[in-house]
C-alpha atoms as a PDB file:
ATOM      1  CA  MET A   1      67.725  14.236 212.064  1.00  0.00           C
ATOM      2  CA  THR A   2      67.708  14.381 215.825  1.00  0.00           C
ATOM      3  CA  ILE A   3      69.074  11.838 218.276  1.00  0.00           C
ATOM      4  CA  LEU A   4      66.706  11.015 221.145  1.00  0.00           C
ATOM      5  CA  ASN A   5      67.856   9.092 224.221  1.00  0.00           C
ATOM      6  CA  VAL A   6      65.066   6.782 225.391  1.00  0.00           C
ATOM      7  CA  HIS A   7      64.495   3.653 227.455  1.00  0.00           C
ATOM      8  CA  CYS A   8      62.758   0.662 225.878  1.00  0.00           C
ATOM      9  CA  PRO A   9      59.313   0.256 227.501  1.00  0.00           C
ATOM     10  CA  TYR A  10      59.753  -3.541 227.456  1.00  0.00           C
ATOM     11  CA  CYS A  11      63.233  -4.131 228.869  1.00  0.00           C
ATOM     12  CA  SER A  12      64.342  -0.605 229.964  1.00  0.00           C
ATOM     13  CA  HIS A  13      67.449  -0.738 227.750  1.00  0.00           C
ATOM     14  CA  LYS A  14      68.765   2.822 227.285  1.00  0.00           C
ATOM     15  CA  GLN A  15      69.411   3.682 223.653  1.00  0.00           C
ATOM     16  CA  ALA A  16      69.890   6.545 221.216  1.00  0.00           C
ATOM     17  CA  VAL A  17      67.290   6.651 218.421  1.00  0.00           C
ATOM     18  CA  GLU A  18      67.324   8.793 215.270  1.00  0.00           C
ATOM     19  CA  HIS A  19      64.178  10.855 214.718  1.00  0.00           C
ATOM     20  CA  ALA A  20      63.036  13.326 212.056  1.00  0.00           C
ATOM     21  CA  GLY A  21      63.355  16.232 214.490  1.00  0.00           C
ATOM     22  CA  ASP A  22      59.681  17.219 214.587  1.00  0.00           C
ATOM     23  CA  TYR A  23      56.870  16.214 216.953  1.00  0.00           C
ATOM     24  CA  SER A  24      55.607  13.282 214.881  1.00  0.00           C
ATOM     25  CA  PRO A  25      55.459   9.846 216.543  1.00  0.00           C
ATOM     26  CA  ALA A  26      57.695   7.131 215.124  1.00  0.00           C
ATOM     27  CA  TYR A  27      58.456   3.449 215.590  1.00  0.00           C
ATOM     28  CA  ALA A  28      61.780   2.262 216.970  1.00  0.00           C
ATOM     29  CA  MET A  29      63.253  -1.193 217.532  1.00  0.00           C
ATOM     30  CA  CYS A  30      65.070  -2.151 220.693  1.00  0.00           C
ATOM     31  CA  PRO A  31      68.419  -3.748 219.824  1.00  0.00           C
ATOM     32  CA  ASP A  32      68.460  -5.540 223.173  1.00  0.00           C
ATOM     33  CA  CYS A  33      65.061  -7.312 223.271  1.00  0.00           C
ATOM     34  CA  GLY A  34      63.997  -6.881 219.610  1.00  0.00           C
ATOM     35  CA  GLU A  35      60.598  -5.341 220.459  1.00  0.00           C
ATOM     36  CA  ARG A  36      59.097  -2.499 218.433  1.00  0.00           C
ATOM     37  CA  PHE A  37      57.906   0.531 220.385  1.00  0.00           C
ATOM     38  CA  ILE A  38      56.628   4.045 219.720  1.00  0.00           C
ATOM     39  CA  LEU A  39      58.385   7.256 220.637  1.00  0.00           C
ATOM     40  CA  GLU A  40      56.831  10.701 220.429  1.00  0.00           C
ATOM     41  CA  PRO A  41      58.713  13.932 221.114  1.00  0.00           C
ATOM     42  CA  VAL A  42      56.722  16.302 223.337  1.00  0.00           C
ATOM     43  CA  ALA A  43      57.478  19.740 224.766  1.00  0.00           C
ATOM     44  CA  GLY A  44      58.938  18.301 227.985  1.00  0.00           C
ATOM     45  CA  GLY A  45      60.920  15.388 226.497  1.00  0.00           C
ATOM     46  CA  VAL A  46      59.900  12.131 224.840  1.00  0.00           C
ATOM     47  CA  MET A  47      56.918   9.859 225.467  1.00  0.00           C
ATOM     48  CA  VAL A  48      57.572   6.138 224.947  1.00  0.00           C
ATOM     49  CA  TYR A  49      54.799   3.582 224.455  1.00  0.00           C
ATOM     50  CA  ARG A  50      54.617  -0.150 223.944  1.00  0.00           C
ATOM     51  CA  ASP A  51      53.345  -1.052 220.491  1.00  0.00           C
ATOM     52  CA  GLY A  52      49.546  -1.197 220.651  1.00  0.00           C
ATOM     53  CA  GLU A  53      49.245   0.771 223.911  1.00  0.00           C
ATOM     54  CA  ALA A  54      49.634   4.328 222.594  1.00  0.00           C
ATOM     55  CA  PRO A  55      46.659   6.629 222.050  1.00  0.00           C
ATOM     56  CA  CYS A  56      45.663   6.789 218.378  1.00  0.00           C
ATOM     57  CA  CYS A  57      47.161  10.274 217.912  1.00  0.00           C
ATOM     58  CA  SER A  58      50.516   8.906 219.159  1.00  0.00           C
ATOM     59  CA  ASP A  59      50.524   5.709 217.057  1.00  0.00           C
ATOM     60  CA  PRO A  60      52.008   6.305 213.573  1.00  0.00           C
ATOM     61  CA  ASP A  61      49.807   3.676 211.857  1.00  0.00           C
ATOM     62  CA  CYS A  62      46.566   4.722 213.569  1.00  0.00           C
ATOM     63  CA  ARG A  63      47.346   8.402 213.030  1.00  0.00           C
ATOM     64  CA  GLU A  64      47.880   7.831 209.292  1.00  0.00           C
ATOM     65  CA  ILE A  65      44.551   5.974 208.983  1.00  0.00           C
ATOM     66  CA  GLU A  66      42.665   8.664 210.933  1.00  0.00           C
ATOM     67  CA  LEU A  67      44.139  11.525 208.905  1.00  0.00           C
ATOM     68  CA  ALA A  68      43.424   9.734 205.619  1.00  0.00           C
ATOM     69  CA  ALA A  69      39.808   9.049 206.661  1.00  0.00           C
ATOM     70  CA  SER A  70      39.254  12.689 207.567  1.00  0.00           C
ATOM     71  CA  GLY A  71      40.693  13.987 204.292  1.00  0.00           C
ATOM     72  CA  GLN A  72      43.508  15.890 206.031  1.00  0.00           C
ATOM     73  CA  ASP A  73      47.186  15.622 205.181  1.00  0.00           C
END
């Protein structure tokens, strides 16, 4: 597990979030405003998206559906 320091895209609350340590996108919950958001580690840091505003390849749910539909794992 890796700890990523990010700001909530809704309220800008700074927080530490546990992540698997790879480049896969994941959901996180803001303890301050209670909103769910997406974080995705990238080569230069971490991308943070509001839920529903991330590109499909950066949204864990959409990514899972797309990979399942294409027959890739």
